[in-house]
Amino acid sequence: MDLSELERDNTGRCRLSSPVPAVCHKEPCVLGVDEAGRGPVLGPMVYAICYCPLSRLAKLKALKVADSKTLSESERERLFAKMKEDRDFVGWALDVLSPNLISTSMLGRVKYNLNSLSHDTAAGLVQYALDQGVKVTQVFVDTVGMPEKYQERLQQHFPGIEVTVKAKADALYPVVSAASICAKVARDQAVKNWQFVETLQDLDADYGSGYPNDPKTKAWLKKHVDPVFGFPQFVRFSWRTAQSILEKEAEGVTWEDSSTEDQEVPKRITSYFCPEGPRPRLPHRYFQERGLESATTL
């Protein structure tokens, strides 16, 4: 899977897709929707669709696709390669949403929660397939939130399509299983090849699972938090785990219009340019990009 566009710029979102099989322009198709990486505090969330003609659904089942969470990494890679071989009747597309996009959406002045972001991304991919000329007649979706409300929303958006939203749809419908494999393969590759724009000392590539309750993930977050600038863009800083570590490890901020009662006296600005202790810290990329150097005398 070519994720070079994401590797060039992993601050927003990117869309990848296969060519649309010719048969999918002519015959009624079934389409599945699933995601990977909704819960982790590290890395992107990936939404994927997979589709094929109803007349070829038995062939897709014959690949023995299954919920990606029940498969090993090598099994997922093998099945995705098989789907690419069957490109004459199987198509797919995916949206990769960066940690930065997720967190800035959730913490913006106008809140855009993860459920709404997920729903809109899924609907956007279905619309993308329609815009590409795929004759979608049935859609199956693994639910986010209440399945009834989600189904009603999608059905209103796509009135000419039969929409089914269910919990565990990735284990019930092969076309959703196929979408889950596409999403998981893309996320695994994105995490493995993540291009850090920050200069991090002693970068540890062992993040653990990336989930907030994983001790390895927590240890990685504590190691790579900057006291002034916070986390690298690999981290979803809107997650509670990340916020808790920021509150403990990073410096507090006193705004001009904030009450000064019960607040610690902020450090002098020069303290950030003169590191304490024997181990020097590399300057944050903010200073490096602007050619700023430490000034010890004025």
C-alpha atoms as a PDB file:
ATOM      1  CA  MET A   1       0.000   0.000   0.000  1.00  0.00           C
ATOM      2  CA  ASP A   2       1.458   3.323  -1.097  1.00  0.00           C
ATOM      3  CA  LEU A   3       1.212   5.796   1.798  1.00  0.00           C
ATOM      4  CA  SER A   4       3.801   8.207   0.413  1.00  0.00           C
ATOM      5  CA  GLU A   5       1.280  11.073   0.427  1.00  0.00           C
ATOM      6  CA  LEU A   6       0.750  10.607   4.164  1.00  0.00           C
ATOM      7  CA  GLU A   7       4.483  10.298   4.770  1.00  0.00           C
ATOM      8  CA  ARG A   8       5.032  13.650   3.010  1.00  0.00           C
ATOM      9  CA  ASP A   9       2.414  15.383   5.156  1.00  0.00           C
ATOM     10  CA  ASN A  10       0.933  13.582   8.146  1.00  0.00           C
ATOM     11  CA  THR A  11      -0.704  16.613   9.741  1.00  0.00           C
ATOM     12  CA  GLY A  12      -4.111  16.396   8.036  1.00  0.00           C
ATOM     13  CA  ARG A  13      -5.859  13.634   6.142  1.00  0.00           C
ATOM     14  CA  CYS A  14      -5.314  11.738   2.941  1.00  0.00           C
ATOM     15  CA  ARG A  15      -7.415   9.439   0.756  1.00  0.00           C
ATOM     16  CA  LEU A  16      -6.208   6.381  -1.116  1.00  0.00           C
ATOM     17  CA  SER A  17      -8.170   4.132  -3.422  1.00  0.00           C
ATOM     18  CA  SER A  18      -7.916   1.276  -5.864  1.00  0.00           C
ATOM     19  CA  PRO A  19      -9.072   1.580  -9.477  1.00  0.00           C
ATOM     20  CA  VAL A  20     -12.807   0.885  -9.793  1.00  0.00           C
ATOM     21  CA  PRO A  21     -13.352  -2.545 -11.402  1.00  0.00           C
ATOM     22  CA  ALA A  22     -15.258  -2.211 -14.677  1.00  0.00           C
ATOM     23  CA  VAL A  23     -17.908  -4.664 -13.486  1.00  0.00           C
ATOM     24  CA  CYS A  24     -18.735  -2.358 -10.543  1.00  0.00           C
ATOM     25  CA  HIS A  25     -19.889   0.303 -13.016  1.00  0.00           C
ATOM     26  CA  LYS A  26     -22.368  -2.136 -14.529  1.00  0.00           C
ATOM     27  CA  GLU A  27     -23.681  -4.445 -11.803  1.00  0.00           C
ATOM     28  CA  PRO A  28     -25.354  -3.716  -8.428  1.00  0.00           C
ATOM     29  CA  CYS A  29     -22.712  -3.684  -5.693  1.00  0.00           C
ATOM     30  CA  VAL A  30     -22.516  -4.264  -1.959  1.00  0.00           C
ATOM     31  CA  LEU A  31     -20.225  -2.015   0.085  1.00  0.00           C
ATOM     32  CA  GLY A  32     -18.803  -2.430   3.601  1.00  0.00           C
ATOM     33  CA  VAL A  33     -17.457   0.245   5.956  1.00  0.00           C
ATOM     34  CA  ASP A  34     -15.129  -0.183   8.936  1.00  0.00           C
ATOM     35  CA  GLU A  35     -12.306   1.581  10.750  1.00  0.00           C
ATOM     36  CA  ALA A  36      -9.036   0.863  12.538  1.00  0.00           C
ATOM     37  CA  GLY A  37      -7.404   2.908  15.267  1.00  0.00           C
ATOM     38  CA  ARG A  38     -10.394   4.629  16.822  1.00  0.00           C
ATOM     39  CA  GLY A  39      -9.291   4.088  20.434  1.00  0.00           C
ATOM     40  CA  PRO A  40      -5.476   4.504  20.528  1.00  0.00           C
ATOM     41  CA  VAL A  41      -3.831   7.656  21.834  1.00  0.00           C
ATOM     42  CA  LEU A  42      -1.076   7.253  19.220  1.00  0.00           C
ATOM     43  CA  GLY A  43      -1.238   7.338  15.443  1.00  0.00           C
ATOM     44  CA  PRO A  44      -3.980   7.927  12.879  1.00  0.00           C
ATOM     45  CA  MET A  45      -7.508   6.586  12.579  1.00  0.00           C
ATOM     46  CA  VAL A  46      -8.228   4.927   9.250  1.00  0.00           C
ATOM     47  CA  TYR A  47     -11.677   4.476   7.690  1.00  0.00           C
ATOM     48  CA  ALA A  48     -12.055   2.090   4.780  1.00  0.00           C
ATOM     49  CA  ILE A  49     -14.662   0.857   2.346  1.00  0.00           C
ATOM     50  CA  CYS A  50     -14.571  -2.317   0.290  1.00  0.00           C
ATOM     51  CA  TYR A  51     -17.068  -3.181  -2.438  1.00  0.00           C
ATOM     52  CA  CYS A  52     -17.842  -5.827  -5.021  1.00  0.00           C
ATOM     53  CA  PRO A  53     -20.786  -6.862  -7.216  1.00  0.00           C
ATOM     54  CA  LEU A  54     -23.525  -8.810  -5.449  1.00  0.00           C
ATOM     55  CA  SER A  55     -23.000 -11.528  -8.035  1.00  0.00           C
ATOM     56  CA  ARG A  56     -19.364 -11.953  -6.867  1.00  0.00           C
ATOM     57  CA  LEU A  57     -19.984 -11.837  -3.112  1.00  0.00           C
ATOM     58  CA  ALA A  58     -19.469 -15.607  -2.825  1.00  0.00           C
ATOM     59  CA  LYS A  59     -15.977 -15.146  -4.314  1.00  0.00           C
ATOM     60  CA  LEU A  60     -15.169 -12.552  -1.658  1.00  0.00           C
ATOM     61  CA  LYS A  61     -16.384 -14.965   1.042  1.00  0.00           C
ATOM     62  CA  ALA A  62     -14.154 -17.669  -0.469  1.00  0.00           C
ATOM     63  CA  LEU A  63     -11.110 -15.547   0.421  1.00  0.00           C
ATOM     64  CA  LYS A  64     -11.989 -16.285   4.077  1.00  0.00           C
ATOM     65  CA  VAL A  65     -11.843 -12.646   5.091  1.00  0.00           C
ATOM     66  CA  ALA A  66     -12.575 -12.080   8.785  1.00  0.00           C
ATOM     67  CA  ASP A  67     -12.604  -9.353  11.419  1.00  0.00           C
ATOM     68  CA  SER A  68      -9.078  -7.905  11.236  1.00  0.00           C
ATOM     69  CA  LYS A  69      -8.745  -8.035  15.041  1.00  0.00           C
ATOM     70  CA  THR A  70      -8.884 -11.846  14.890  1.00  0.00           C
ATOM     71  CA  LEU A  71      -6.101 -12.075  12.295  1.00  0.00           C
ATOM     72  CA  SER A  72      -2.343 -11.823  12.641  1.00  0.00           C
ATOM     73  CA  GLU A  73      -0.470  -9.073  10.824  1.00  0.00           C
ATOM     74  CA  SER A  74       0.850 -11.546   8.259  1.00  0.00           C
ATOM     75  CA  GLU A  75      -2.653 -12.931   7.636  1.00  0.00           C
ATOM     76  CA  ARG A  76      -4.023  -9.427   7.081  1.00  0.00           C
ATOM     77  CA  GLU A  77      -1.208  -8.622   4.662  1.00  0.00           C
ATOM     78  CA  ARG A  78      -1.837 -11.865   2.757  1.00  0.00           C
ATOM     79  CA  LEU A  79      -5.580 -11.218   2.463  1.00  0.00           C
ATOM     80  CA  PHE A  80      -5.066  -7.619   1.373  1.00  0.00           C
ATOM     81  CA  ALA A  81      -2.632  -8.813  -1.307  1.00  0.00           C
ATOM     82  CA  LYS A  82      -5.253 -11.331  -2.425  1.00  0.00           C
ATOM     83  CA  MET A  83      -7.877  -8.584  -2.712  1.00  0.00           C
ATOM     84  CA  LYS A  84      -5.473  -6.587  -4.865  1.00  0.00           C
ATOM     85  CA  GLU A  85      -5.048  -9.644  -7.107  1.00  0.00           C
ATOM     86  CA  ASP A  86      -8.841  -9.804  -7.446  1.00  0.00           C
ATOM     87  CA  ARG A  87      -9.040  -6.182  -8.588  1.00  0.00           C
ATOM     88  CA  ASP A  88     -11.236  -7.218 -11.506  1.00  0.00           C
ATOM     89  CA  PHE A  89     -14.192  -7.379  -9.077  1.00  0.00           C
ATOM     90  CA  VAL A  90     -12.989  -5.980  -5.682  1.00  0.00           C
ATOM     91  CA  GLY A  91     -12.459  -2.269  -5.042  1.00  0.00           C
ATOM     92  CA  TRP A  92     -11.521  -0.295  -1.936  1.00  0.00           C
ATOM     93  CA  ALA A  93     -10.867   3.228  -0.689  1.00  0.00           C
ATOM     94  CA  LEU A  94      -9.740   4.674   2.617  1.00  0.00           C
ATOM     95  CA  ASP A  95      -9.353   7.918   4.536  1.00  0.00           C
ATOM     96  CA  VAL A  96      -6.387   8.339   6.888  1.00  0.00           C
ATOM     97  CA  LEU A  97      -7.112  10.893   9.624  1.00  0.00           C
ATOM     98  CA  SER A  98      -4.017  12.165  11.406  1.00  0.00           C
ATOM     99  CA  PRO A  99      -3.774  12.489  15.209  1.00  0.00           C
ATOM    100  CA  ASN A 100      -3.392  16.238  14.725  1.00  0.00           C
ATOM    101  CA  LEU A 101      -6.633  16.469  12.732  1.00  0.00           C
ATOM    102  CA  ILE A 102      -8.536  14.370  15.285  1.00  0.00           C
ATOM    103  CA  SER A 103      -7.380  16.400  18.291  1.00  0.00           C
ATOM    104  CA  THR A 104      -7.772  19.845  16.736  1.00  0.00           C
ATOM    105  CA  SER A 105     -11.296  18.849  15.646  1.00  0.00           C
ATOM    106  CA  MET A 106     -12.244  17.681  19.125  1.00  0.00           C
ATOM    107  CA  LEU A 107     -10.725  20.671  20.949  1.00  0.00           C
ATOM    108  CA  GLY A 108     -11.691  23.427  18.511  1.00  0.00           C
ATOM    109  CA  ARG A 109     -13.865  26.378  19.472  1.00  0.00           C
ATOM    110  CA  VAL A 110     -16.750  24.565  17.780  1.00  0.00           C
ATOM    111  CA  LYS A 111     -16.552  21.004  19.140  1.00  0.00           C
ATOM    112  CA  TYR A 112     -16.481  18.184  16.595  1.00  0.00           C
ATOM    113  CA  ASN A 113     -16.546  14.956  18.557  1.00  0.00           C
ATOM    114  CA  LEU A 114     -15.073  11.639  17.481  1.00  0.00           C
ATOM    115  CA  ASN A 115     -18.460  10.063  16.726  1.00  0.00           C
ATOM    116  CA  SER A 116     -19.436  12.911  14.383  1.00  0.00           C
ATOM    117  CA  LEU A 117     -16.022  12.809  12.715  1.00  0.00           C
ATOM    118  CA  SER A 118     -16.385   9.025  12.267  1.00  0.00           C
ATOM    119  CA  HIS A 119     -19.931   9.265  10.866  1.00  0.00           C
ATOM    120  CA  ASP A 120     -18.999  12.013   8.415  1.00  0.00           C
ATOM    121  CA  THR A 121     -15.881  10.160   7.244  1.00  0.00           C
ATOM    122  CA  ALA A 122     -17.860   6.970   6.625  1.00  0.00           C
ATOM    123  CA  ALA A 123     -20.557   8.867   4.715  1.00  0.00           C
ATOM    124  CA  GLY A 124     -17.872  10.667   2.736  1.00  0.00           C
ATOM    125  CA  LEU A 125     -16.342   7.384   1.593  1.00  0.00           C
ATOM    126  CA  VAL A 126     -19.721   5.990   0.511  1.00  0.00           C
ATOM    127  CA  GLN A 127     -20.327   9.187  -1.444  1.00  0.00           C
ATOM    128  CA  TYR A 128     -16.845   8.896  -2.957  1.00  0.00           C
ATOM    129  CA  ALA A 129     -17.678   5.406  -4.286  1.00  0.00           C
ATOM    130  CA  LEU A 130     -20.913   6.748  -5.797  1.00  0.00           C
ATOM    131  CA  ASP A 131     -19.052   9.676  -7.364  1.00  0.00           C
ATOM    132  CA  GLN A 132     -16.634   7.187  -8.939  1.00  0.00           C
ATOM    133  CA  GLY A 133     -19.575   5.478 -10.615  1.00  0.00           C
ATOM    134  CA  VAL A 134     -19.844   2.406  -8.397  1.00  0.00           C
ATOM    135  CA  LYS A 135     -23.436   1.075  -8.536  1.00  0.00           C
ATOM    136  CA  VAL A 136     -23.886   0.757  -4.771  1.00  0.00           C
ATOM    137  CA  THR A 137     -27.245  -0.755  -3.776  1.00  0.00           C
ATOM    138  CA  GLN A 138     -26.419  -2.119  -0.301  1.00  0.00           C
ATOM    139  CA  VAL A 139     -24.191  -0.731   2.455  1.00  0.00           C
ATOM    140  CA  PHE A 140     -23.133  -2.527   5.642  1.00  0.00           C
ATOM    141  CA  VAL A 141     -21.470  -0.547   8.427  1.00  0.00           C
ATOM    142  CA  ASP A 142     -19.822  -1.468  11.722  1.00  0.00           C
ATOM    143  CA  THR A 143     -21.512   0.842  14.192  1.00  0.00           C
ATOM    144  CA  VAL A 144     -20.112   3.795  16.096  1.00  0.00           C
ATOM    145  CA  GLY A 145     -22.514   4.769  18.862  1.00  0.00           C
ATOM    146  CA  MET A 146     -26.174   3.737  18.705  1.00  0.00           C
ATOM    147  CA  PRO A 147     -26.696   1.661  15.536  1.00  0.00           C
ATOM    148  CA  GLU A 148     -30.325   2.727  15.074  1.00  0.00           C
ATOM    149  CA  LYS A 149     -29.533   6.450  15.002  1.00  0.00           C
ATOM    150  CA  TYR A 150     -26.464   5.929  12.842  1.00  0.00           C
ATOM    151  CA  GLN A 151     -28.458   3.826  10.362  1.00  0.00           C
ATOM    152  CA  GLU A 152     -31.243   6.404  10.244  1.00  0.00           C
ATOM    153  CA  ARG A 153     -28.734   9.166   9.540  1.00  0.00           C
ATOM    154  CA  LEU A 154     -27.045   7.228   6.717  1.00  0.00           C
ATOM    155  CA  GLN A 155     -30.384   6.132   5.267  1.00  0.00           C
ATOM    156  CA  GLN A 156     -31.517   9.765   5.064  1.00  0.00           C
ATOM    157  CA  HIS A 157     -28.238  10.676   3.381  1.00  0.00           C
ATOM    158  CA  PHE A 158     -28.485   7.825   0.861  1.00  0.00           C
ATOM    159  CA  PRO A 159     -32.239   7.248   0.341  1.00  0.00           C
ATOM    160  CA  GLY A 160     -31.789   5.041  -2.722  1.00  0.00           C
ATOM    161  CA  ILE A 161     -29.502   2.566  -0.946  1.00  0.00           C
ATOM    162  CA  GLU A 162     -30.362  -0.170   1.555  1.00  0.00           C
ATOM    163  CA  VAL A 163     -28.269   0.627   4.659  1.00  0.00           C
ATOM    164  CA  THR A 164     -27.577  -1.783   7.541  1.00  0.00           C
ATOM    165  CA  VAL A 165     -25.651  -0.656  10.635  1.00  0.00           C
ATOM    166  CA  LYS A 166     -24.802  -3.277  13.250  1.00  0.00           C
ATOM    167  CA  ALA A 167     -22.435  -3.895  16.113  1.00  0.00           C
ATOM    168  CA  LYS A 168     -19.732  -6.440  15.209  1.00  0.00           C
ATOM    169  CA  ALA A 169     -20.589  -6.060  11.518  1.00  0.00           C
ATOM    170  CA  ASP A 170     -16.942  -6.854  10.749  1.00  0.00           C
ATOM    171  CA  ALA A 171     -17.581 -10.377  12.034  1.00  0.00           C
ATOM    172  CA  LEU A 172     -21.021 -10.743  10.382  1.00  0.00           C
ATOM    173  CA  TYR A 173     -20.567  -9.483   6.822  1.00  0.00           C
ATOM    174  CA  PRO A 174     -17.587 -10.452   4.626  1.00  0.00           C
ATOM    175  CA  VAL A 175     -17.587  -7.113   2.804  1.00  0.00           C
ATOM    176  CA  VAL A 176     -17.182  -5.311   6.167  1.00  0.00           C
ATOM    177  CA  SER A 177     -14.469  -7.796   7.166  1.00  0.00           C
ATOM    178  CA  ALA A 178     -12.650  -6.912   3.949  1.00  0.00           C
ATOM    179  CA  ALA A 179     -12.949  -3.188   4.772  1.00  0.00           C
ATOM    180  CA  SER A 180     -11.591  -3.817   8.279  1.00  0.00           C
ATOM    181  CA  ILE A 181      -8.551  -5.571   6.792  1.00  0.00           C
ATOM    182  CA  CYS A 182      -7.878  -2.640   4.439  1.00  0.00           C
ATOM    183  CA  ALA A 183      -8.134  -0.177   7.336  1.00  0.00           C
ATOM    184  CA  LYS A 184      -5.915  -2.191   9.675  1.00  0.00           C
ATOM    185  CA  VAL A 185      -3.206  -2.830   7.068  1.00  0.00           C
ATOM    186  CA  ALA A 186      -3.098   0.913   6.293  1.00  0.00           C
ATOM    187  CA  ARG A 187      -2.941   1.949   9.956  1.00  0.00           C
ATOM    188  CA  ASP A 188      -0.221  -0.588  10.799  1.00  0.00           C
ATOM    189  CA  GLN A 189       1.882   0.670   7.908  1.00  0.00           C
ATOM    190  CA  ALA A 190       1.267   4.327   8.809  1.00  0.00           C
ATOM    191  CA  VAL A 191       2.335   3.776  12.427  1.00  0.00           C
ATOM    192  CA  LYS A 192       5.376   1.713  11.460  1.00  0.00           C
ATOM    193  CA  ASN A 193       6.628   4.301   8.941  1.00  0.00           C
ATOM    194  CA  TRP A 194       5.555   7.462  10.782  1.00  0.00           C
ATOM    195  CA  GLN A 195       7.679  10.474   9.834  1.00  0.00           C
ATOM    196  CA  PHE A 196       8.298  12.594  12.932  1.00  0.00           C
ATOM    197  CA  VAL A 197       8.575  16.288  12.078  1.00  0.00           C
ATOM    198  CA  GLU A 198       9.977  16.884  15.559  1.00  0.00           C
ATOM    199  CA  THR A 199      13.569  16.184  16.541  1.00  0.00           C
ATOM    200  CA  LEU A 200      13.265  13.744  19.418  1.00  0.00           C
ATOM    201  CA  GLN A 201      16.156  12.602  21.575  1.00  0.00           C
ATOM    202  CA  ASP A 202      16.548   8.833  21.920  1.00  0.00           C
ATOM    203  CA  LEU A 203      13.368   8.121  19.967  1.00  0.00           C
ATOM    204  CA  ASP A 204      11.907   4.836  21.163  1.00  0.00           C
ATOM    205  CA  ALA A 205      10.085   2.957  18.392  1.00  0.00           C
ATOM    206  CA  ASP A 206       8.428   0.592  20.868  1.00  0.00           C
ATOM    207  CA  TYR A 207       5.134   2.402  21.501  1.00  0.00           C
ATOM    208  CA  GLY A 208       3.340  -0.659  22.828  1.00  0.00           C
ATOM    209  CA  SER A 209      -0.200  -1.114  21.534  1.00  0.00           C
ATOM    210  CA  GLY A 210      -0.864   2.625  21.402  1.00  0.00           C
ATOM    211  CA  TYR A 211      -3.913   2.240  23.656  1.00  0.00           C
ATOM    212  CA  PRO A 212      -4.210   4.568  26.680  1.00  0.00           C
ATOM    213  CA  ASN A 213      -4.145   1.785  29.300  1.00  0.00           C
ATOM    214  CA  ASP A 214      -0.962   0.152  27.952  1.00  0.00           C
ATOM    215  CA  PRO A 215       1.978   0.743  30.378  1.00  0.00           C
ATOM    216  CA  LYS A 216       4.437   0.845  27.454  1.00  0.00           C
ATOM    217  CA  THR A 217       2.378   3.504  25.705  1.00  0.00           C
ATOM    218  CA  LYS A 218       2.147   5.583  28.892  1.00  0.00           C
ATOM    219  CA  ALA A 219       5.913   5.302  29.413  1.00  0.00           C
ATOM    220  CA  TRP A 220       6.523   6.441  25.811  1.00  0.00           C
ATOM    221  CA  LEU A 221       4.246   9.450  26.299  1.00  0.00           C
ATOM    222  CA  LYS A 222       6.059  10.482  29.495  1.00  0.00           C
ATOM    223  CA  LYS A 223       9.443  10.131  27.816  1.00  0.00           C
ATOM    224  CA  HIS A 224       8.551  12.229  24.779  1.00  0.00           C
ATOM    225  CA  VAL A 225       6.562  15.098  26.290  1.00  0.00           C
ATOM    226  CA  ASP A 226       8.168  18.520  25.920  1.00  0.00           C
ATOM    227  CA  PRO A 227       7.614  20.773  28.968  1.00  0.00           C
ATOM    228  CA  VAL A 228       6.723  23.754  26.759  1.00  0.00           C
ATOM    229  CA  PHE A 229       5.475  22.419  23.419  1.00  0.00           C
ATOM    230  CA  GLY A 230       3.833  19.200  24.591  1.00  0.00           C
ATOM    231  CA  PHE A 231       3.685  16.068  22.466  1.00  0.00           C
ATOM    232  CA  PRO A 232       4.840  15.190  18.955  1.00  0.00           C
ATOM    233  CA  GLN A 233       2.072  15.209  16.340  1.00  0.00           C
ATOM    234  CA  PHE A 234       2.007  11.415  16.534  1.00  0.00           C
ATOM    235  CA  VAL A 235      -0.015  11.831  19.753  1.00  0.00           C
ATOM    236  CA  ARG A 236      -3.732  12.578  20.041  1.00  0.00           C
ATOM    237  CA  PHE A 237      -3.353  15.289  22.648  1.00  0.00           C
ATOM    238  CA  SER A 238      -7.131  15.478  23.155  1.00  0.00           C
ATOM    239  CA  TRP A 239      -7.126  12.029  24.823  1.00  0.00           C
ATOM    240  CA  ARG A 240      -7.474  12.119  28.610  1.00  0.00           C
ATOM    241  CA  THR A 241      -4.305  10.050  29.096  1.00  0.00           C
ATOM    242  CA  ALA A 242      -2.253  12.605  27.169  1.00  0.00           C
ATOM    243  CA  GLN A 243      -3.867  15.519  29.006  1.00  0.00           C
ATOM    244  CA  SER A 244      -3.109  13.940  32.394  1.00  0.00           C
ATOM    245  CA  ILE A 245       0.559  13.535  31.506  1.00  0.00           C
ATOM    246  CA  LEU A 246       0.712  17.133  30.277  1.00  0.00           C
ATOM    247  CA  GLU A 247      -0.748  18.351  33.555  1.00  0.00           C
ATOM    248  CA  LYS A 248       1.937  16.478  35.522  1.00  0.00           C
ATOM    249  CA  GLU A 249       5.015  16.772  33.297  1.00  0.00           C
ATOM    250  CA  ALA A 250       4.631  20.042  31.391  1.00  0.00           C
ATOM    251  CA  GLU A 251       4.817  23.634  32.590  1.00  0.00           C
ATOM    252  CA  GLY A 252       1.647  25.467  33.491  1.00  0.00           C
ATOM    253  CA  VAL A 253       0.498  28.498  31.534  1.00  0.00           C
ATOM    254  CA  THR A 254      -0.708  31.747  33.080  1.00  0.00           C
ATOM    255  CA  TRP A 255      -2.827  33.822  30.705  1.00  0.00           C
ATOM    256  CA  GLU A 256      -2.956  37.598  31.069  1.00  0.00           C
ATOM    257  CA  ASP A 257      -6.640  37.556  31.954  1.00  0.00           C
ATOM    258  CA  SER A 258      -6.351  34.598  34.339  1.00  0.00           C
ATOM    259  CA  SER A 259      -6.642  34.980  38.079  1.00  0.00           C
ATOM    260  CA  THR A 260      -3.237  34.766  39.758  1.00  0.00           C
ATOM    261  CA  GLU A 261      -4.663  33.396  43.002  1.00  0.00           C
ATOM    262  CA  ASP A 262      -3.559  29.913  43.978  1.00  0.00           C
ATOM    263  CA  GLN A 263      -1.197  29.708  40.995  1.00  0.00           C
ATOM    264  CA  GLU A 264       2.496  29.010  41.152  1.00  0.00           C
ATOM    265  CA  VAL A 265       4.844  31.747  40.035  1.00  0.00           C
ATOM    266  CA  PRO A 266       5.782  30.929  36.417  1.00  0.00           C
ATOM    267  CA  LYS A 267       9.417  30.243  35.600  1.00  0.00           C
ATOM    268  CA  ARG A 268      11.592  32.934  34.061  1.00  0.00           C
ATOM    269  CA  ILE A 269      11.705  32.668  30.286  1.00  0.00           C
ATOM    270  CA  THR A 270      15.508  32.252  30.376  1.00  0.00           C
ATOM    271  CA  SER A 271      15.065  28.981  32.254  1.00  0.00           C
ATOM    272  CA  TYR A 272      13.899  27.338  29.030  1.00  0.00           C
ATOM    273  CA  PHE A 273      17.090  28.319  27.201  1.00  0.00           C
ATOM    274  CA  CYS A 274      19.535  27.272  29.924  1.00  0.00           C
ATOM    275  CA  PRO A 275      18.919  23.564  30.614  1.00  0.00           C
ATOM    276  CA  GLU A 276      19.406  22.359  34.147  1.00  0.00           C
ATOM    277  CA  GLY A 277      21.349  19.195  34.855  1.00  0.00           C
ATOM    278  CA  PRO A 278      24.127  17.450  32.979  1.00  0.00           C
ATOM    279  CA  ARG A 279      22.074  16.281  29.946  1.00  0.00           C
ATOM    280  CA  PRO A 280      21.418  19.017  27.350  1.00  0.00           C
ATOM    281  CA  ARG A 281      18.075  19.037  25.504  1.00  0.00           C
ATOM    282  CA  LEU A 282      17.979  19.651  21.795  1.00  0.00           C
ATOM    283  CA  PRO A 283      16.094  22.867  20.932  1.00  0.00           C
ATOM    284  CA  HIS A 284      12.518  22.357  19.811  1.00  0.00           C
ATOM    285  CA  ARG A 285      12.011  22.486  16.029  1.00  0.00           C
ATOM    286  CA  TYR A 286      10.219  25.856  16.480  1.00  0.00           C
ATOM    287  CA  PHE A 287      13.599  27.428  17.325  1.00  0.00           C
ATOM    288  CA  GLN A 288      15.601  25.345  14.835  1.00  0.00           C
ATOM    289  CA  GLU A 289      13.368  26.322  11.886  1.00  0.00           C
ATOM    290  CA  ARG A 290      13.756  30.003  12.726  1.00  0.00           C
ATOM    291  CA  GLY A 291      17.518  29.852  13.322  1.00  0.00           C
ATOM    292  CA  LEU A 292      17.101  30.935  16.956  1.00  0.00           C
ATOM    293  CA  GLU A 293      19.919  30.179  19.386  1.00  0.00           C
ATOM    294  CA  SER A 294      20.240  30.431  23.144  1.00  0.00           C
ATOM    295  CA  ALA A 295      21.358  33.804  24.455  1.00  0.00           C
ATOM    296  CA  THR A 296      23.216  33.733  27.785  1.00  0.00           C
ATOM    297  CA  THR A 297      23.978  37.440  27.918  1.00  0.00           C
ATOM    298  CA  LEU A 298      22.118  40.507  26.688  1.00  0.00           C
END
